[in-house]
Amino acid sequence: MPSTVRRPALALVLSVCTLIASAALVSPIGTAQPAPVRVAQPANCENRVSPPPPVDTSEQVPDGMKPPSPLPVPETPVGGERLAECALVLPANAKPVPDGVTAASWVVADMDSGAVLAAYDPHGRQRPASVMKVLLAMVVAKELPLDTTVVATQEDVDQECTCVGLRDGGQYTVDQLMQALLMMSGNDVAHTLARRLGGVPSAVRKMNALAVELGALDTRAITPSGLDAPGTSTSAYDVALIFRAAMKYPEFAKAIGTPQINFPAPSGRGTIQVVNDNLLLGNYEGALGGRAGYTDDALNTYVGAAERGGKRLIVGLLRGTKQAAPIADQAVALLDYGFELQGSGDIGRLVDGAPQAKKKTTEPKPTETSVPGAPNGTGGDVNKLTAGKTPMEAAFGNVGLPVTGVAALGVLLGLVMYLRSLRAKKARARRNAEQEAKLAQLGL
């Protein structure tokens, strides 16, 4: 079954991580396209700017705080003009898409050439759930040697699950944690790796910077694990783009395609078996691995790859429902379809890095300045920040804002971690009580 990511009930985590979301965005460049198959487009692309409204309170922000502004939409769609379409996008003379694919957004692309073969609302913004862990894993692969030892803390252990089962004081290599992150989607592991990257805010900041570097301009991480939070977003185009880039790291490709490993047991004695929860691995010809996810708001998500006849394809699906077929079956249907489409032309490209911004001949007059460390478009008017202040007060404010932001972030993160720990302990106590009741019924 796809790995489940549970949302924290705390809306505070959203406002915390808003402070460190990536801000740098540039205007992408399109590519020439073959003769297209034109499909009637909706009058409005509903999810061009933001994911659909949440179905619960997981993205509610605290009183007195504003939700982060959506990421800017590039004037030119990344990967090509046709990828701005928000319905079915196919090459010339393409066969119909198989029945049963209910994902609101999907992409099939050639992993080697980057050619996008078919798509549905490729730049529609959705929530990622656990597929966000691919971006975290790529940051880890870039920055941490595999033989680095990381000591888990109680804070790591107390993360809301899905969890692998870390032990407070347990020692793990980055290699072990990378495999557990990608194979079993452990939120405890995601927190441990984020802490090793400098802490959750630092890790999320690095994830967002990498997304911009890659050209994944629909993507903004708010948590390292993919938990729902205000302002988080991605697109089917982006998850395919990020997965393609991550597969260039041998340690990532190895981990995502490993069927099972022996992992240090939570008891501290011996090992347990961690099994890859990707249903395609071992059941679909040529499957190379992938990552699935689920939350009530994101619904079912998946990104993965397969190889057949010397061709490697990537498939990314977001906001899939199970009415027609499980997300794994939808991925299989699209991969089969993609292999049949080979040679039919493409509708766009997975770019090899963010397109460069055009040079400006004159500098625009500043009208709004973001608070340092906040995502683009979330800061206040600089005139309002300095109105009525002496030069000394204004200068102090320029320093005081980031300092205050860091202090607030630390306080809020501490509160969030405490409440998460409390919730996790209650869940463990409830499970233990249920187990004792069952044993009592059996007379044991």
Protein backbone atom coordinates (compact mmCIF):
# COMPACT_ATOMS: atom_id res chain seq x y z
CA MET A 1 0.00 0.00 0.00
CA PRO A 2 1.23 3.53 -0.56
CA SER A 3 2.91 5.00 2.46
CA THR A 4 0.61 7.18 4.56
CA VAL A 5 1.79 10.55 5.81
CA ARG A 6 -0.42 11.82 8.62
CA ARG A 7 -0.93 15.55 8.93
CA PRO A 8 -0.20 17.24 12.23
CA ALA A 9 -3.25 18.84 13.76
CA LEU A 10 -1.04 21.78 14.64
CA ALA A 11 -1.46 24.68 12.31
CA LEU A 12 1.56 26.31 13.94
CA VAL A 13 4.00 24.23 11.94
CA LEU A 14 2.74 25.96 8.86
CA SER A 15 3.52 29.44 9.98
CA VAL A 16 6.89 28.32 11.30
CA CYS A 17 8.12 26.89 8.08
CA THR A 18 6.68 29.72 6.04
CA LEU A 19 9.60 31.80 7.29
CA ILE A 20 12.14 29.61 5.56
CA ALA A 21 10.47 28.72 2.25
CA SER A 22 12.44 29.45 -0.91
CA ALA A 23 11.97 32.85 -2.54
CA ALA A 24 14.18 32.88 -5.63
CA LEU A 25 12.17 32.33 -8.78
CA VAL A 26 13.07 33.08 -12.39
CA SER A 27 11.25 33.22 -15.72
CA PRO A 28 11.60 29.92 -17.62
CA ILE A 29 12.14 29.45 -21.35
CA GLY A 30 9.92 27.33 -23.60
CA THR A 31 10.94 24.78 -26.22
CA ALA A 32 9.71 24.09 -29.75
CA GLN A 33 6.98 21.45 -29.90
CA PRO A 34 5.79 18.94 -32.54
CA ALA A 35 2.36 19.11 -34.17
CA PRO A 36 0.06 18.71 -31.16
CA VAL A 37 -3.14 16.87 -30.42
CA ARG A 38 -5.40 19.68 -29.21
CA VAL A 39 -7.81 18.92 -26.41
CA ALA A 40 -10.47 21.38 -25.27
CA GLN A 41 -9.11 23.28 -22.28
CA PRO A 42 -11.08 24.48 -19.26
CA ALA A 43 -11.86 28.18 -19.19
CA ASN A 44 -9.74 28.49 -16.05
CA CYS A 45 -6.90 26.31 -14.83
CA GLU A 46 -8.20 25.81 -11.30
CA ASN A 47 -4.89 24.75 -9.78
CA ARG A 48 -2.48 26.91 -11.72
CA VAL A 49 -1.71 29.03 -8.64
CA SER A 50 -2.55 26.87 -5.62
CA PRO A 51 -3.67 23.35 -4.70
CA PRO A 52 -7.38 22.78 -4.03
CA PRO A 53 -8.74 23.92 -0.65
CA PRO A 54 -7.93 21.55 2.23
CA VAL A 55 -10.66 19.20 3.40
CA ASP A 56 -9.86 19.63 7.10
CA THR A 57 -8.07 21.99 9.50
CA SER A 58 -4.55 20.78 8.74
CA GLU A 59 -3.67 24.01 6.96
CA GLN A 60 -5.36 26.44 9.32
CA VAL A 61 -2.98 29.18 10.44
CA PRO A 62 -2.97 30.62 13.98
CA ASP A 63 -4.97 33.74 14.72
CA GLY A 64 -3.10 36.89 13.82
CA MET A 65 -0.87 35.20 11.25
CA LYS A 66 -1.26 35.24 7.49
CA PRO A 67 -0.86 32.15 5.30
CA PRO A 68 2.07 32.30 2.87
CA SER A 69 1.35 33.72 -0.56
CA PRO A 70 1.33 31.18 -3.41
CA LEU A 71 4.51 30.83 -5.42
CA PRO A 72 4.57 33.09 -8.49
CA VAL A 73 3.48 31.43 -11.72
CA PRO A 74 6.21 31.74 -14.39
CA GLU A 75 5.14 33.78 -17.41
CA THR A 76 6.55 31.08 -19.70
CA PRO A 77 5.82 27.50 -18.56
CA VAL A 78 8.90 25.52 -17.61
CA GLY A 79 9.53 22.82 -20.20
CA GLY A 80 7.53 24.26 -23.08
CA GLU A 81 4.41 26.18 -24.02
CA ARG A 82 2.14 23.14 -24.24
CA LEU A 83 2.84 22.29 -20.63
CA ALA A 84 0.77 25.30 -19.63
CA GLU A 85 -2.35 23.40 -20.74
CA CYS A 86 -4.41 22.11 -17.86
CA ALA A 87 -6.23 19.19 -19.45
CA LEU A 88 -4.92 16.28 -21.51
CA VAL A 89 -1.71 17.06 -23.44
CA LEU A 90 -0.67 14.53 -26.11
CA PRO A 91 1.65 14.37 -29.13
CA ALA A 92 0.37 14.02 -32.68
CA ASN A 93 -1.45 10.77 -33.52
CA ALA A 94 -1.28 9.53 -29.94
CA LYS A 95 -3.48 6.68 -28.79
CA PRO A 96 -6.16 7.42 -26.18
CA VAL A 97 -5.04 7.38 -22.57
CA PRO A 98 -6.05 4.16 -20.79
CA ASP A 99 -9.18 4.13 -18.65
CA GLY A 100 -8.91 4.21 -14.89
CA VAL A 101 -6.38 7.03 -14.50
CA THR A 102 -8.08 9.40 -12.07
CA ALA A 103 -5.09 11.46 -10.92
CA ALA A 104 -5.80 15.18 -11.19
CA SER A 105 -2.30 15.78 -12.54
CA TRP A 106 0.20 13.42 -14.16
CA VAL A 107 3.26 13.28 -16.40
CA VAL A 108 5.02 10.53 -18.35
CA ALA A 109 8.56 11.39 -19.46
CA ASP A 110 11.71 9.82 -20.88
CA MET A 111 14.23 9.70 -18.05
CA ASP A 112 17.27 9.89 -20.30
CA SER A 113 16.29 12.52 -22.87
CA GLY A 114 13.89 14.44 -20.63
CA ALA A 115 11.18 14.38 -23.30
CA VAL A 116 7.68 14.68 -21.83
CA LEU A 117 5.58 12.12 -23.72
CA ALA A 118 2.11 12.80 -22.31
CA ALA A 119 0.56 14.71 -19.45
CA TYR A 120 -2.56 15.95 -17.75
CA ASP A 121 -2.40 19.40 -16.14
CA PRO A 122 1.38 19.02 -15.74
CA HIS A 123 1.92 22.33 -13.94
CA GLY A 124 -1.26 22.14 -11.88
CA ARG A 125 -0.27 22.70 -8.26
CA GLN A 126 -1.08 19.93 -5.83
CA ARG A 127 0.14 18.66 -2.48
CA PRO A 128 3.03 16.18 -2.53
CA ALA A 129 2.62 13.99 0.59
CA SER A 130 5.60 11.61 0.86
CA VAL A 131 6.92 12.18 -2.65
CA MET A 132 8.50 15.30 -1.09
CA LYS A 133 10.97 12.91 0.55
CA VAL A 134 12.64 12.51 -2.85
CA LEU A 135 13.75 16.14 -2.65
CA LEU A 136 14.98 15.65 0.92
CA ALA A 137 16.91 12.54 -0.13
CA MET A 138 18.58 14.47 -2.94
CA VAL A 139 19.77 17.15 -0.50
CA VAL A 140 21.12 14.38 1.74
CA ALA A 141 22.91 12.76 -1.22
CA LYS A 142 24.51 16.10 -2.11
CA GLU A 143 25.66 17.01 1.39
CA LEU A 144 26.16 13.99 3.66
CA PRO A 145 28.69 11.15 3.19
CA LEU A 146 27.01 7.76 3.39
CA ASP A 147 29.26 6.56 6.22
CA THR A 148 28.40 9.52 8.46
CA THR A 149 27.01 8.31 11.80
CA VAL A 150 23.87 10.00 13.10
CA VAL A 151 22.58 9.54 16.65
CA ALA A 152 18.79 9.56 16.93
CA THR A 153 17.08 11.61 19.63
CA GLN A 154 13.78 11.23 21.44
CA GLU A 155 12.49 14.09 19.31
CA ASP A 156 13.14 11.97 16.22
CA VAL A 157 11.47 8.95 17.79
CA ASP A 158 8.37 10.95 18.73
CA GLN A 159 7.52 12.07 15.19
CA GLU A 160 4.05 11.21 13.96
CA CYS A 161 4.17 8.07 11.89
CA THR A 162 4.55 6.42 9.32
CA CYS A 163 7.79 5.50 11.17
CA VAL A 164 10.60 3.01 10.68
CA GLY A 165 11.20 2.71 14.42
CA LEU A 166 14.29 4.60 15.53
CA ARG A 167 15.67 4.38 19.07
CA ASP A 168 16.65 7.31 21.26
CA GLY A 169 20.44 7.18 21.32
CA GLY A 170 20.55 4.68 18.47
CA GLN A 171 23.37 5.10 15.97
CA TYR A 172 22.68 4.88 12.25
CA THR A 173 24.66 5.62 9.12
CA VAL A 174 23.35 8.06 6.55
CA ASP A 175 23.24 5.11 4.15
CA GLN A 176 20.86 3.21 6.45
CA LEU A 177 18.69 6.28 6.98
CA MET A 178 18.56 7.10 3.27
CA GLN A 179 17.33 3.59 2.49
CA ALA A 180 14.74 3.62 5.27
CA LEU A 181 13.52 7.05 4.17
CA LEU A 182 12.90 5.97 0.59
CA MET A 183 11.85 2.37 1.17
CA MET A 184 9.43 2.84 4.08
CA SER A 185 8.81 6.60 4.08
CA GLY A 186 9.75 7.03 7.73
CA ASN A 187 8.82 10.42 9.16
CA ASP A 188 11.14 9.71 12.10
CA VAL A 189 13.96 9.20 9.61
CA ALA A 190 13.05 12.37 7.70
CA HIS A 191 13.30 14.38 10.93
CA THR A 192 16.62 12.75 11.85
CA LEU A 193 18.16 13.56 8.47
CA ALA A 194 16.75 17.10 8.56
CA ARG A 195 18.32 17.60 11.97
CA ARG A 196 21.68 16.37 10.62
CA LEU A 197 21.37 18.89 7.78
CA GLY A 198 21.30 21.70 10.34
CA GLY A 199 17.77 21.43 11.70
CA VAL A 200 14.32 21.36 10.14
CA PRO A 201 14.33 25.04 9.03
CA SER A 202 17.77 24.65 7.46
CA ALA A 203 16.83 21.40 5.73
CA VAL A 204 13.62 22.86 4.30
CA ARG A 205 15.50 25.94 3.12
CA LYS A 206 18.01 23.70 1.33
CA MET A 207 15.20 21.67 -0.23
CA ASN A 208 13.55 24.78 -1.61
CA ALA A 209 16.83 26.19 -2.90
CA LEU A 210 17.49 22.91 -4.70
CA ALA A 211 14.00 22.92 -6.21
CA VAL A 212 14.64 26.36 -7.68
CA GLU A 213 18.07 25.27 -8.92
CA LEU A 214 16.50 22.32 -10.74
CA GLY A 215 13.73 24.42 -12.29
CA ALA A 216 10.96 22.92 -10.13
CA LEU A 217 9.21 26.26 -9.74
CA ASP A 218 5.85 24.86 -8.60
CA THR A 219 7.49 23.22 -5.58
CA ARG A 220 7.71 24.59 -2.07
CA ALA A 221 8.53 22.36 0.89
CA ILE A 222 7.20 23.36 4.29
CA THR A 223 8.10 20.15 6.13
CA PRO A 224 10.89 17.70 5.23
CA SER A 225 8.52 14.71 5.26
CA GLY A 226 5.75 16.11 3.07
CA LEU A 227 3.19 16.64 5.82
CA ASP A 228 0.37 18.96 4.78
CA ALA A 229 1.02 22.59 5.65
CA PRO A 230 -0.13 25.97 4.32
CA GLY A 231 1.93 26.99 1.32
CA THR A 232 3.24 23.55 0.43
CA SER A 233 2.89 22.68 -3.24
CA THR A 234 4.36 20.82 -6.17
CA SER A 235 3.25 19.63 -9.62
CA ALA A 236 3.41 16.41 -11.60
CA TYR A 237 6.01 18.08 -13.83
CA ASP A 238 8.12 18.97 -10.81
CA VAL A 239 8.00 15.56 -9.13
CA ALA A 240 9.12 13.93 -12.39
CA LEU A 241 11.85 16.55 -12.81
CA ILE A 242 13.13 16.09 -9.25
CA PHE A 243 13.02 12.29 -9.48
CA ARG A 244 14.99 12.36 -12.73
CA ALA A 245 17.68 14.52 -11.11
CA ALA A 246 17.78 12.36 -7.98
CA MET A 247 18.27 9.16 -10.00
CA LYS A 248 21.63 10.54 -11.15
CA TYR A 249 22.92 9.92 -7.62
CA PRO A 250 23.94 6.24 -7.30
CA GLU A 251 23.08 6.14 -3.60
CA PHE A 252 19.56 7.36 -4.32
CA ALA A 253 19.02 4.96 -7.22
CA LYS A 254 20.26 2.08 -5.08
CA ALA A 255 18.04 2.94 -2.12
CA ILE A 256 14.86 3.56 -4.11
CA GLY A 257 15.23 0.20 -5.86
CA THR A 258 16.26 -1.98 -2.90
CA PRO A 259 13.59 -4.60 -2.02
CA GLN A 260 14.54 -5.01 1.65
CA ILE A 261 17.30 -4.36 4.17
CA ASN A 262 18.24 -5.32 7.70
CA PHE A 263 17.91 -2.29 9.96
CA PRO A 264 18.88 -1.80 13.62
CA ALA A 265 15.96 -2.88 15.83
CA PRO A 266 14.19 -0.30 18.03
CA SER A 267 15.06 -2.46 21.04
CA GLY A 268 18.76 -1.96 20.38
CA ARG A 269 19.26 -5.71 20.01
CA GLY A 270 19.67 -7.26 16.59
CA THR A 271 17.96 -6.08 13.42
CA ILE A 272 14.53 -5.85 11.86
CA GLN A 273 13.63 -6.21 8.21
CA VAL A 274 12.62 -3.04 6.40
CA VAL A 275 10.68 -3.90 3.26
CA ASN A 276 10.23 -1.53 0.33
CA ASP A 277 6.53 -0.56 0.22
CA ASN A 278 6.57 0.27 -3.52
CA LEU A 279 4.08 -2.16 -5.05
CA LEU A 280 5.63 -1.87 -8.52
CA LEU A 281 9.03 -3.11 -7.38
CA GLY A 282 9.19 -6.81 -8.15
CA ASN A 283 5.68 -6.81 -9.64
CA TYR A 284 6.16 -4.65 -12.73
CA GLU A 285 8.64 -5.53 -15.46
CA GLY A 286 11.67 -3.27 -15.26
CA ALA A 287 10.54 -1.27 -12.21
CA LEU A 288 13.44 0.83 -10.92
CA GLY A 289 11.74 2.11 -7.78
CA GLY A 290 9.51 4.94 -6.66
CA ARG A 291 7.92 6.75 -3.75
CA ALA A 292 4.22 6.86 -2.91
CA GLY A 293 2.35 9.01 -0.44
CA TYR A 294 -1.06 9.85 0.95
CA THR A 295 -2.76 12.45 3.11
CA ASP A 296 -6.42 13.46 3.30
CA ASP A 297 -5.60 16.69 1.48
CA ALA A 298 -3.01 15.40 -0.99
CA LEU A 299 -4.85 12.13 -1.66
CA ASN A 300 -2.71 9.50 -3.40
CA THR A 301 0.60 10.55 -4.93
CA TYR A 302 3.34 8.61 -6.70
CA VAL A 303 6.57 9.12 -8.61
CA GLY A 304 8.74 6.33 -9.99
CA ALA A 305 10.53 4.89 -12.98
CA ALA A 306 10.79 1.71 -15.04
CA GLU A 307 13.00 0.40 -17.84
CA ARG A 308 12.00 -1.67 -20.83
CA GLY A 309 13.81 -2.38 -24.08
CA GLY A 310 16.61 0.02 -23.21
CA LYS A 311 14.16 2.88 -22.53
CA ARG A 312 13.66 4.39 -19.08
CA LEU A 313 10.46 6.25 -18.26
CA ILE A 314 9.37 8.33 -15.29
CA VAL A 315 5.77 8.66 -14.18
CA GLY A 316 4.47 11.20 -11.68
CA LEU A 317 0.88 11.31 -10.42
CA LEU A 318 -0.73 13.67 -7.92
CA ARG A 319 -4.13 13.73 -6.22
CA GLY A 320 -5.18 10.31 -7.35
CA THR A 321 -8.34 8.67 -6.09
CA LYS A 322 -9.03 4.98 -5.66
CA GLN A 323 -12.50 4.90 -7.21
CA ALA A 324 -11.19 3.55 -10.50
CA ALA A 325 -7.87 2.00 -9.47
CA PRO A 326 -5.18 2.22 -6.78
CA ILE A 327 -2.41 4.72 -7.50
CA ALA A 328 0.05 1.88 -8.21
CA ASP A 329 -2.27 0.51 -10.90
CA GLN A 330 -2.64 3.97 -12.42
CA ALA A 331 1.15 4.29 -12.53
CA VAL A 332 1.37 0.91 -14.28
CA ALA A 333 -1.23 1.96 -16.85
CA LEU A 334 0.64 5.19 -17.62
CA LEU A 335 4.01 3.46 -17.85
CA ASP A 336 2.59 0.91 -20.30
CA TYR A 337 1.07 3.77 -22.26
CA GLY A 338 4.37 5.66 -22.25
CA PHE A 339 6.33 2.72 -23.61
CA GLU A 340 3.79 2.45 -26.44
CA LEU A 341 4.20 6.17 -27.18
CA GLN A 342 7.94 5.93 -27.78
CA GLY A 343 8.68 7.53 -31.14
CA SER A 344 5.44 9.56 -31.25
CA GLY A 345 7.17 12.84 -30.47
CA ASP A 346 7.06 14.91 -27.32
CA ILE A 347 5.01 17.71 -25.83
CA GLY A 348 7.78 19.36 -23.81
CA ARG A 349 10.95 18.73 -21.84
CA LEU A 350 12.11 18.11 -18.30
CA VAL A 351 14.65 20.92 -18.07
CA ASP A 352 18.23 20.44 -16.91
CA GLY A 353 18.22 23.26 -14.39
CA ALA A 354 16.32 26.47 -13.88
CA PRO A 355 16.18 28.75 -16.92
CA GLN A 356 18.07 32.00 -16.51
CA ALA A 357 16.22 35.24 -15.92
CA LYS A 358 16.39 37.85 -18.65
CA LYS A 359 18.70 40.79 -18.02
CA LYS A 360 17.03 44.06 -17.11
CA THR A 361 18.22 47.39 -18.46
CA THR A 362 16.82 49.36 -15.54
CA GLU A 363 16.16 48.47 -11.96
CA PRO A 364 12.49 48.63 -10.97
CA LYS A 365 11.49 50.80 -8.08
CA PRO A 366 10.94 48.73 -4.93
CA THR A 367 7.29 48.55 -3.95
CA GLU A 368 7.28 45.64 -1.56
CA THR A 369 10.03 43.95 0.39
CA SER A 370 9.72 40.49 1.83
CA VAL A 371 10.70 39.94 5.43
CA PRO A 372 14.16 38.30 5.41
CA GLY A 373 13.80 34.55 5.34
CA ALA A 374 10.16 34.64 4.25
CA PRO A 375 8.93 33.30 0.92
CA ASN A 376 8.47 35.64 -2.00
CA GLY A 377 5.36 37.77 -1.62
CA THR A 378 4.85 37.22 2.12
CA GLY A 379 6.62 40.28 3.45
CA GLY A 380 5.08 43.63 4.29
CA ASP A 381 5.45 46.97 2.58
CA VAL A 382 8.90 48.35 3.41
CA ASN A 383 7.39 51.83 3.88
CA LYS A 384 5.03 50.47 6.51
CA LEU A 385 7.93 48.77 8.26
CA THR A 386 9.91 52.01 8.57
CA ALA A 387 7.16 54.66 8.70
CA GLY A 388 7.56 57.09 11.60
CA LYS A 389 10.93 55.67 12.63
CA THR A 390 14.22 57.44 13.09
CA PRO A 391 17.12 56.26 10.91
CA MET A 392 18.46 54.39 13.94
CA GLU A 393 15.13 52.67 14.57
CA ALA A 394 14.76 51.80 10.92
CA ALA A 395 18.27 50.38 10.80
CA PHE A 396 17.65 48.37 13.95
CA GLY A 397 14.45 47.05 12.45
CA ASN A 398 16.34 45.66 9.47
CA VAL A 399 18.39 43.59 11.88
CA GLY A 400 15.67 42.99 14.40
CA LEU A 401 13.21 41.39 11.98
CA PRO A 402 15.35 38.36 11.11
CA VAL A 403 16.53 38.04 14.70
CA THR A 404 12.94 38.15 15.93
CA GLY A 405 11.92 35.70 13.22
CA VAL A 406 14.61 33.23 14.25
CA ALA A 407 13.63 33.54 17.90
CA ALA A 408 9.95 33.05 17.10
CA LEU A 409 10.78 30.11 14.89
CA GLY A 410 12.71 28.46 17.71
CA VAL A 411 9.89 28.95 20.20
CA LEU A 412 7.23 27.69 17.79
CA LEU A 413 9.29 24.70 16.72
CA GLY A 414 9.83 23.79 20.37
CA LEU A 415 6.08 23.97 21.00
CA VAL A 416 5.30 21.96 17.89
CA MET A 417 7.80 19.24 18.78
CA TYR A 418 6.48 19.04 22.34
CA LEU A 419 2.87 18.64 21.22
CA ARG A 420 3.83 16.11 18.57
CA SER A 421 5.75 14.14 21.18
CA LEU A 422 2.74 14.23 23.51
CA ARG A 423 0.46 12.98 20.76
CA ALA A 424 2.84 10.17 19.80
CA LYS A 425 3.15 9.05 23.45
CA LYS A 426 -0.64 8.92 23.80
CA ALA A 427 -0.86 6.83 20.64
CA ARG A 428 1.74 4.39 21.98
CA ALA A 429 -0.08 4.13 25.30
CA ARG A 430 -3.35 3.42 23.50
CA ARG A 431 -1.74 0.68 21.40
CA ASN A 432 -0.17 -0.90 24.50
CA ALA A 433 -3.53 -0.87 26.30
CA GLU A 434 -5.24 -2.51 23.34
CA GLN A 435 -2.55 -5.19 23.21
CA GLU A 436 -2.87 -5.89 26.95
CA ALA A 437 -6.66 -6.18 26.59
CA LYS A 438 -6.29 -8.72 23.80
CA LEU A 439 -3.83 -10.76 25.87
CA ALA A 440 -6.22 -10.67 28.82
CA GLN A 441 -9.04 -11.99 26.64
CA LEU A 442 -6.80 -14.87 25.62
CA GLY A 443 -5.98 -15.59 29.27
CA LEU A 444 -2.29 -14.82 28.76
